Amino acid sequence: MTSLPLVFDAPKRGLPARHLADLDAAGRRAAVAELGEKPFRADQLARHYFAGHAPEQMTDLPPALRDKLAELLPPLLTPVRDVDCDDGATRKTLWRGNDGTLVESVTMRYADRTTVCVSSQAGCGMACPFCATGQGGLTRNLSTAEIVEQVVAANRAEAVTGGRVSNVVFMGMGEPLANYNRVVAAVRRLTDPAPHGLGMSQRNVVVSTVGLVPAIRKLTQEGLQVTLALSLHAPDDELRNTLVPVNTRWPVSEVLSAAFDYTRATGRRLSIEYALIGGVNDQPHRADLLAKRLKGKLAHVNLIPLNPTPGSEWDASPKPVEKEFVRRLRAAGVTTTVRDTRGREIAGACGQLAAVE
């Protein structure tokens, strides 16, 4: 079996130079002071960065000072390619880091919101066999600033047509809670009010996990109001050991216990992510077992028709099977929806991100 990371914040190799978004407000002021400038300049610089302004738009900073403070805004991610579908409503961006690392993010426009699906790692070490990212293995963690930059860049693109990113989901490449410190810091940058961050609502942020129990329990103590999304994919240990190998360390009952503790502490409804795989995890008895585990809990099941990935022998469940699975869950009183398969045509849907140039 593929070995899984023991330390949730490793590996650290390859992280880029310090960036303003890596620092909290106090850290930025200290960094500006080290450059011989007054601390209030840090707030000015942060306001411009989170607003997506180019250097020439920072008109309240003298040109010479902009050049000096540029040390705190090193380039992080260079766009390699944008592809879109759904009449332009879904856009996938391939990014290259300064060390050549490739990652992807996806922007999805809806009638009432614009959501960015961000990556927290280059690749993923969780080895889930139905996920293209997991099949490729883990390259490295992203820095806090590299995560934030995906959202800032999307906001900059949306501003061209008068839009703005309203929601962020940590469902791109990587296991967010395996890069715990930087992901939590990124959440704070996204939700801190201006000039210290983007000013998004914490309730509009979703952090997903395959079930790293110690990290879930740590997140419970953070005082955040983000939604926790648990990638469950099977209600029984026998099957989940195969679909989500980390289950051999923290089995279903333990994972759900930690997730339910999070919902009790925060009042936020747990999202259960369940990729329906034809003939694998879509049987009626598994729907019934899932319903039994969730009945009476503050939880919602988000069924995901499996998206095809290169070399996989698995496919989505037939529609009649999917409908019966949904019927059984709802009949047991478990709220259930089927996710819109946005981005499938551009390999930008759930489980398809592979960052191939």
Protein backbone atom coordinates (compact mmCIF):
# COMPACT_ATOMS: atom_id res chain seq x y z
CA MET A 1 0.00 0.00 0.00
CA THR A 2 1.22 3.54 -0.75
CA SER A 3 2.65 5.15 2.38
CA LEU A 4 0.83 8.24 3.62
CA PRO A 5 2.31 11.37 5.19
CA LEU A 6 2.72 11.15 8.97
CA VAL A 7 3.30 14.86 9.49
CA PHE A 8 0.46 17.06 8.34
CA ASP A 9 2.62 20.02 7.37
CA ALA A 10 5.26 18.22 5.30
CA PRO A 11 6.96 18.34 2.86
CA LYS A 12 8.30 21.90 3.12
CA ARG A 13 10.79 21.81 0.27
CA GLY A 14 10.42 24.20 -2.62
CA LEU A 15 8.30 26.88 -0.93
CA PRO A 16 8.77 30.33 -2.49
CA ALA A 17 10.24 33.44 -0.92
CA ARG A 18 8.25 35.34 1.71
CA HIS A 19 5.23 37.19 0.38
CA LEU A 20 2.91 39.72 1.98
CA ALA A 21 0.08 37.14 2.00
CA ASP A 22 2.23 34.73 4.01
CA LEU A 23 2.23 37.24 6.89
CA ASP A 24 -0.47 38.41 9.24
CA ALA A 25 -0.99 42.15 9.85
CA ALA A 26 1.67 42.35 12.55
CA GLY A 27 4.14 40.40 10.44
CA ARG A 28 3.62 42.72 7.48
CA ARG A 29 4.22 45.81 9.58
CA ALA A 30 7.38 44.27 10.97
CA ALA A 31 8.55 43.37 7.45
CA VAL A 32 7.93 46.92 6.21
CA ALA A 33 9.78 48.31 9.21
CA GLU A 34 12.74 46.08 8.33
CA LEU A 35 12.79 47.85 4.97
CA GLY A 36 13.04 51.20 6.78
CA GLU A 37 9.45 52.28 6.14
CA LYS A 38 6.64 53.29 8.49
CA PRO A 39 4.32 50.43 9.52
CA PHE A 40 1.21 52.03 7.97
CA ARG A 41 2.72 51.37 4.55
CA ALA A 42 2.03 47.67 5.16
CA ASP A 43 -1.71 48.33 5.29
CA GLN A 44 -1.54 50.38 2.10
CA LEU A 45 0.34 47.63 0.29
CA ALA A 46 -2.04 44.94 1.57
CA ARG A 47 -5.10 46.91 0.51
CA HIS A 48 -3.77 47.16 -3.02
CA TYR A 49 -2.72 43.51 -3.19
CA PHE A 50 -6.02 42.08 -2.02
CA ALA A 51 -7.85 44.45 -4.37
CA GLY A 52 -5.86 42.93 -7.22
CA HIS A 53 -4.14 46.17 -8.19
CA ALA A 54 -1.10 46.24 -10.43
CA PRO A 55 1.86 48.31 -9.18
CA GLU A 56 0.98 51.24 -11.44
CA GLN A 57 -2.44 51.41 -9.74
CA MET A 58 -0.89 51.92 -6.29
CA THR A 59 -1.03 55.68 -6.72
CA ASP A 60 -0.90 56.49 -3.00
CA LEU A 61 2.60 55.01 -2.92
CA PRO A 62 5.48 56.96 -4.53
CA PRO A 63 7.03 55.04 -7.45
CA ALA A 64 10.34 54.59 -5.65
CA LEU A 65 8.53 53.21 -2.62
CA ARG A 66 6.57 50.77 -4.79
CA ASP A 67 9.84 49.39 -6.09
CA LYS A 68 11.20 49.08 -2.57
CA LEU A 69 8.12 47.33 -1.20
CA ALA A 70 8.04 44.99 -4.21
CA GLU A 71 10.27 42.72 -2.13
CA LEU A 72 7.08 41.75 -0.27
CA LEU A 73 5.21 40.99 -3.51
CA PRO A 74 7.46 38.52 -5.34
CA PRO A 75 5.87 36.74 -8.32
CA LEU A 76 4.30 33.46 -7.23
CA LEU A 77 2.27 31.82 -9.97
CA THR A 78 2.45 32.36 -13.70
CA PRO A 79 -0.59 31.43 -15.79
CA VAL A 80 0.28 28.79 -18.35
CA ARG A 81 -3.10 28.16 -19.90
CA ASP A 82 -6.80 29.01 -19.44
CA VAL A 83 -9.50 26.75 -20.83
CA ASP A 84 -13.22 27.18 -20.43
CA CYS A 85 -16.55 25.48 -21.01
CA ASP A 86 -20.22 25.98 -20.08
CA ASP A 87 -20.29 29.03 -22.37
CA GLY A 88 -17.43 30.57 -20.45
CA ALA A 89 -19.00 30.08 -17.02
CA THR A 90 -16.35 27.55 -16.00
CA ARG A 91 -12.67 28.36 -16.41
CA LYS A 92 -9.69 26.21 -15.46
CA THR A 93 -6.29 27.82 -15.05
CA LEU A 94 -2.98 25.97 -15.11
CA TRP A 95 -0.35 27.76 -13.01
CA ARG A 96 3.42 27.36 -12.85
CA GLY A 97 5.23 28.17 -9.63
CA ASN A 98 8.69 29.68 -9.55
CA ASP A 99 10.22 26.23 -9.11
CA GLY A 100 8.34 24.82 -12.10
CA THR A 101 5.61 23.22 -10.00
CA LEU A 102 2.26 22.97 -11.80
CA VAL A 103 -1.13 23.38 -10.11
CA GLU A 104 -4.67 24.12 -11.26
CA SER A 105 -7.61 26.17 -10.04
CA VAL A 106 -11.16 26.40 -11.38
CA THR A 107 -13.50 29.40 -11.41
CA MET A 108 -17.24 28.69 -11.69
CA ARG A 109 -19.83 31.39 -12.28
CA TYR A 110 -23.43 30.84 -11.20
CA ALA A 111 -26.43 33.15 -11.24
CA ASP A 112 -26.00 34.05 -7.57
CA ARG A 113 -22.29 33.53 -6.87
CA THR A 114 -18.83 32.97 -8.26
CA THR A 115 -16.84 30.14 -6.72
CA VAL A 116 -13.14 29.41 -6.99
CA CYS A 117 -11.91 25.87 -6.40
CA VAL A 118 -8.33 26.24 -5.15
CA SER A 119 -5.43 23.84 -4.80
CA SER A 120 -3.57 23.55 -1.50
CA GLN A 121 -0.84 21.19 -2.67
CA ALA A 122 0.91 20.35 -5.93
CA GLY A 123 -0.35 16.82 -6.38
CA CYS A 124 -1.71 14.77 -3.49
CA GLY A 125 -0.33 12.05 -1.24
CA MET A 126 -3.65 10.46 -0.27
CA ALA A 127 -3.56 7.96 -3.19
CA CYS A 128 -7.31 7.67 -3.79
CA PRO A 129 -7.44 5.45 -6.90
CA PHE A 130 -10.36 7.19 -8.62
CA CYS A 131 -8.79 10.67 -8.44
CA ALA A 132 -6.36 11.92 -11.09
CA THR A 133 -4.55 14.12 -8.57
CA GLY A 134 -4.08 11.25 -6.14
CA GLN A 135 -2.82 8.99 -8.88
CA GLY A 136 -0.05 11.48 -9.63
CA GLY A 137 1.35 11.62 -6.09
CA LEU A 138 2.49 14.58 -4.00
CA THR A 139 5.09 17.09 -5.19
CA ARG A 140 4.96 19.69 -2.42
CA ASN A 141 2.76 21.87 -0.26
CA LEU A 142 1.76 25.28 -1.55
CA SER A 143 2.61 28.32 0.50
CA THR A 144 -0.15 30.40 2.08
CA ALA A 145 0.48 33.10 -0.49
CA GLU A 146 0.31 30.67 -3.42
CA ILE A 147 -3.11 29.54 -2.20
CA VAL A 148 -4.36 33.09 -1.69
CA GLU A 149 -2.97 34.19 -5.06
CA GLN A 150 -5.32 31.79 -6.86
CA VAL A 151 -8.27 33.69 -5.40
CA VAL A 152 -6.77 37.14 -5.85
CA ALA A 153 -6.06 36.35 -9.51
CA ALA A 154 -9.61 35.06 -10.02
CA ASN A 155 -10.98 38.22 -8.42
CA ARG A 156 -8.84 40.31 -10.75
CA ALA A 157 -10.24 38.43 -13.76
CA GLU A 158 -13.83 38.74 -12.53
CA ALA A 159 -13.45 42.48 -11.94
CA VAL A 160 -13.04 43.00 -15.69
CA THR A 161 -16.77 42.26 -16.10
CA GLY A 162 -17.82 43.80 -12.80
CA GLY A 163 -17.90 40.51 -10.89
CA ARG A 164 -16.26 39.28 -7.72
CA VAL A 165 -15.42 35.94 -6.16
CA SER A 166 -17.91 35.21 -3.39
CA ASN A 167 -17.09 31.61 -2.46
CA VAL A 168 -13.93 29.53 -2.13
CA VAL A 169 -13.76 25.75 -1.90
CA PHE A 170 -10.56 23.93 -0.96
CA MET A 171 -11.36 21.06 -3.30
CA GLY A 172 -8.66 21.43 -5.91
CA MET A 173 -5.37 19.55 -5.93
CA GLY A 174 -4.16 18.18 -2.62
CA GLU A 175 -5.44 17.28 0.84
CA PRO A 176 -5.96 20.66 2.56
CA LEU A 177 -5.55 19.37 6.11
CA ALA A 178 -2.20 17.78 5.18
CA ASN A 179 -0.99 21.37 4.63
CA TYR A 180 -2.78 22.49 7.78
CA ASN A 181 -0.94 25.61 8.93
CA ARG A 182 -0.81 27.24 5.51
CA VAL A 183 -4.41 26.39 4.66
CA VAL A 184 -5.73 27.84 7.92
CA ALA A 185 -3.58 30.94 7.38
CA ALA A 186 -4.98 31.23 3.83
CA VAL A 187 -8.53 31.01 5.17
CA ARG A 188 -7.76 33.87 7.52
CA ARG A 189 -6.28 35.98 4.71
CA LEU A 190 -9.35 35.34 2.59
CA THR A 191 -11.76 36.26 5.37
CA ASP A 192 -9.93 39.01 7.26
CA PRO A 193 -11.49 42.42 6.58
CA ALA A 194 -9.71 44.99 4.41
CA PRO A 195 -6.95 46.04 4.43
CA HIS A 196 -5.73 42.82 6.03
CA GLY A 197 -7.50 40.38 3.70
CA LEU A 198 -10.16 39.86 1.06
CA GLY A 199 -13.05 40.30 3.48
CA MET A 200 -14.97 37.18 2.42
CA SER A 201 -17.46 35.52 4.76
CA GLN A 202 -16.08 32.46 6.53
CA ARG A 203 -19.43 30.82 5.85
CA ASN A 204 -18.64 31.02 2.13
CA VAL A 205 -15.48 28.94 2.51
CA VAL A 206 -15.44 25.14 2.33
CA VAL A 207 -12.46 23.08 3.50
CA SER A 208 -12.47 19.48 2.36
CA THR A 209 -10.63 16.50 3.79
CA VAL A 210 -10.42 12.76 3.27
CA GLY A 211 -10.47 12.38 7.04
CA LEU A 212 -7.26 13.33 8.85
CA VAL A 213 -8.77 13.03 12.31
CA PRO A 214 -6.13 14.88 14.39
CA ALA A 215 -6.28 17.79 11.94
CA ILE A 216 -10.10 17.85 12.01
CA ARG A 217 -9.97 18.05 15.80
CA LYS A 218 -7.40 20.83 15.59
CA LEU A 219 -9.61 22.73 13.13
CA THR A 220 -12.49 22.43 15.59
CA GLN A 221 -10.47 24.54 18.03
CA GLU A 222 -9.68 27.33 15.54
CA GLY A 223 -12.90 29.27 16.08
CA LEU A 224 -13.61 29.37 12.34
CA GLN A 225 -17.04 29.20 10.72
CA VAL A 226 -16.00 27.45 7.52
CA THR A 227 -17.91 24.45 6.22
CA LEU A 228 -16.17 21.11 6.61
CA ALA A 229 -16.56 18.75 3.66
CA LEU A 230 -15.70 15.12 4.34
CA SER A 231 -14.78 13.04 1.30
CA LEU A 232 -16.30 9.80 2.55
CA HIS A 233 -17.05 7.81 -0.64
CA ALA A 234 -17.97 4.64 1.27
CA PRO A 235 -19.85 4.06 4.55
CA ASP A 236 -18.00 0.84 5.45
CA ASP A 237 -14.35 0.31 6.30
CA GLU A 238 -13.87 -2.64 3.97
CA LEU A 239 -14.54 -0.61 0.83
CA ARG A 240 -13.26 2.74 2.12
CA ASN A 241 -9.86 1.18 2.86
CA THR A 242 -9.53 0.77 -0.91
CA LEU A 243 -11.16 3.99 -2.10
CA VAL A 244 -9.61 6.25 0.56
CA PRO A 245 -6.44 4.54 1.83
CA VAL A 246 -6.06 6.86 4.83
CA ASN A 247 -9.10 5.01 6.23
CA THR A 248 -6.74 2.24 7.35
CA ARG A 249 -5.43 4.74 9.91
CA TRP A 250 -8.67 6.50 10.86
CA PRO A 251 -11.73 4.34 10.11
CA VAL A 252 -15.19 5.57 9.22
CA SER A 253 -16.59 5.70 12.76
CA GLU A 254 -13.60 7.70 14.03
CA VAL A 255 -13.68 10.11 11.09
CA LEU A 256 -17.40 10.75 11.46
CA SER A 257 -17.06 11.23 15.21
CA ALA A 258 -14.46 13.96 14.67
CA ALA A 259 -16.55 15.57 11.91
CA PHE A 260 -19.70 15.56 14.04
CA ASP A 261 -17.74 17.16 16.88
CA TYR A 262 -16.81 19.93 14.43
CA THR A 263 -20.45 20.53 13.56
CA ARG A 264 -21.43 20.62 17.23
CA ALA A 265 -18.71 23.14 18.03
CA THR A 266 -19.40 25.42 15.07
CA GLY A 267 -23.07 24.88 14.24
CA ARG A 268 -22.02 24.38 10.63
CA ARG A 269 -23.63 21.59 8.64
CA LEU A 270 -21.25 18.82 7.60
CA SER A 271 -21.03 18.15 3.88
CA ILE A 272 -20.51 14.48 3.01
CA GLU A 273 -18.85 14.15 -0.40
CA TYR A 274 -19.65 10.82 -2.02
CA ALA A 275 -18.44 9.99 -5.54
CA LEU A 276 -20.87 7.45 -7.00
CA ILE A 277 -18.91 4.75 -8.81
CA GLY A 278 -20.86 2.26 -10.88
CA GLY A 279 -20.90 -1.19 -9.29
CA VAL A 280 -18.44 -0.17 -6.58
CA ASN A 281 -20.10 1.97 -3.90
CA ASP A 282 -23.60 2.55 -5.24
CA GLN A 283 -25.42 -0.53 -3.89
CA PRO A 284 -28.70 -0.10 -1.97
CA HIS A 285 -27.22 -1.58 1.21
CA ARG A 286 -24.49 1.07 1.18
CA ALA A 287 -27.07 3.81 0.78
CA ASP A 288 -28.89 2.38 3.78
CA LEU A 289 -25.70 2.15 5.85
CA LEU A 290 -24.76 5.71 4.95
CA ALA A 291 -28.24 6.87 5.96
CA LYS A 292 -27.94 5.01 9.26
CA ARG A 293 -24.62 6.69 10.06
CA LEU A 294 -25.98 10.16 9.26
CA LYS A 295 -29.57 9.98 10.50
CA GLY A 296 -30.33 12.74 12.98
CA LYS A 297 -27.01 14.49 12.38
CA LEU A 298 -26.38 17.98 11.03
CA ALA A 299 -25.16 16.65 7.72
CA HIS A 300 -25.89 16.85 4.01
CA VAL A 301 -24.86 14.33 1.36
CA ASN A 302 -23.39 15.72 -1.84
CA LEU A 303 -23.42 12.89 -4.39
CA ILE A 304 -20.88 13.29 -7.17
CA PRO A 305 -21.29 11.26 -10.37
CA LEU A 306 -17.78 9.92 -10.92
CA ASN A 307 -15.86 11.99 -13.43
CA PRO A 308 -13.68 10.02 -15.86
CA THR A 309 -9.91 10.08 -15.42
CA PRO A 310 -7.24 8.69 -17.78
CA GLY A 311 -6.55 5.00 -17.29
CA SER A 312 -9.38 4.42 -14.83
CA GLU A 313 -11.60 1.38 -15.32
CA TRP A 314 -14.37 2.94 -13.22
CA ASP A 315 -17.29 5.02 -14.39
CA ALA A 316 -20.27 6.87 -12.95
CA SER A 317 -23.29 4.94 -11.76
CA PRO A 318 -26.19 4.56 -14.20
CA LYS A 319 -28.88 7.18 -13.63
CA PRO A 320 -31.50 4.70 -12.31
CA VAL A 321 -28.97 3.48 -9.72
CA GLU A 322 -28.11 7.05 -8.77
CA LYS A 323 -31.80 7.91 -8.35
CA GLU A 324 -32.39 4.90 -6.12
CA PHE A 325 -29.40 5.82 -3.97
CA VAL A 326 -30.79 9.34 -3.58
CA ARG A 327 -34.28 8.00 -2.84
CA ARG A 328 -33.06 5.78 -0.02
CA LEU A 329 -31.10 8.56 1.64
CA ARG A 330 -33.97 11.03 1.44
CA ALA A 331 -36.46 8.44 2.64
CA ALA A 332 -34.30 8.06 5.76
CA GLY A 333 -34.43 11.80 6.34
CA VAL A 334 -30.94 12.62 5.07
CA THR A 335 -30.81 15.72 2.88
CA THR A 336 -29.13 14.83 -0.40
CA THR A 337 -28.25 16.57 -3.64
CA VAL A 338 -26.41 15.49 -6.79
CA ARG A 339 -23.55 17.78 -7.73
CA ASP A 340 -23.55 19.54 -11.05
CA THR A 341 -20.63 18.09 -13.02
CA ARG A 342 -19.19 21.48 -13.97
CA GLY A 343 -15.95 21.43 -15.94
CA ARG A 344 -15.96 17.79 -17.02
CA GLU A 345 -15.25 18.72 -20.65
CA ILE A 346 -12.03 20.50 -19.68
CA ALA A 347 -10.90 17.97 -17.02
CA GLY A 348 -11.77 20.55 -14.40
CA ALA A 349 -14.41 18.63 -12.45
CA CYS A 350 -14.04 16.86 -9.11
CA GLY A 351 -11.19 14.33 -9.21
CA GLN A 352 -9.93 15.36 -12.65
CA LEU A 353 -7.25 17.93 -11.85
CA ALA A 354 -3.87 16.61 -12.94
CA ALA A 355 -1.94 19.80 -13.91
CA VAL A 356 -0.68 18.45 -17.21
CA GLU A 357 1.06 21.00 -19.39
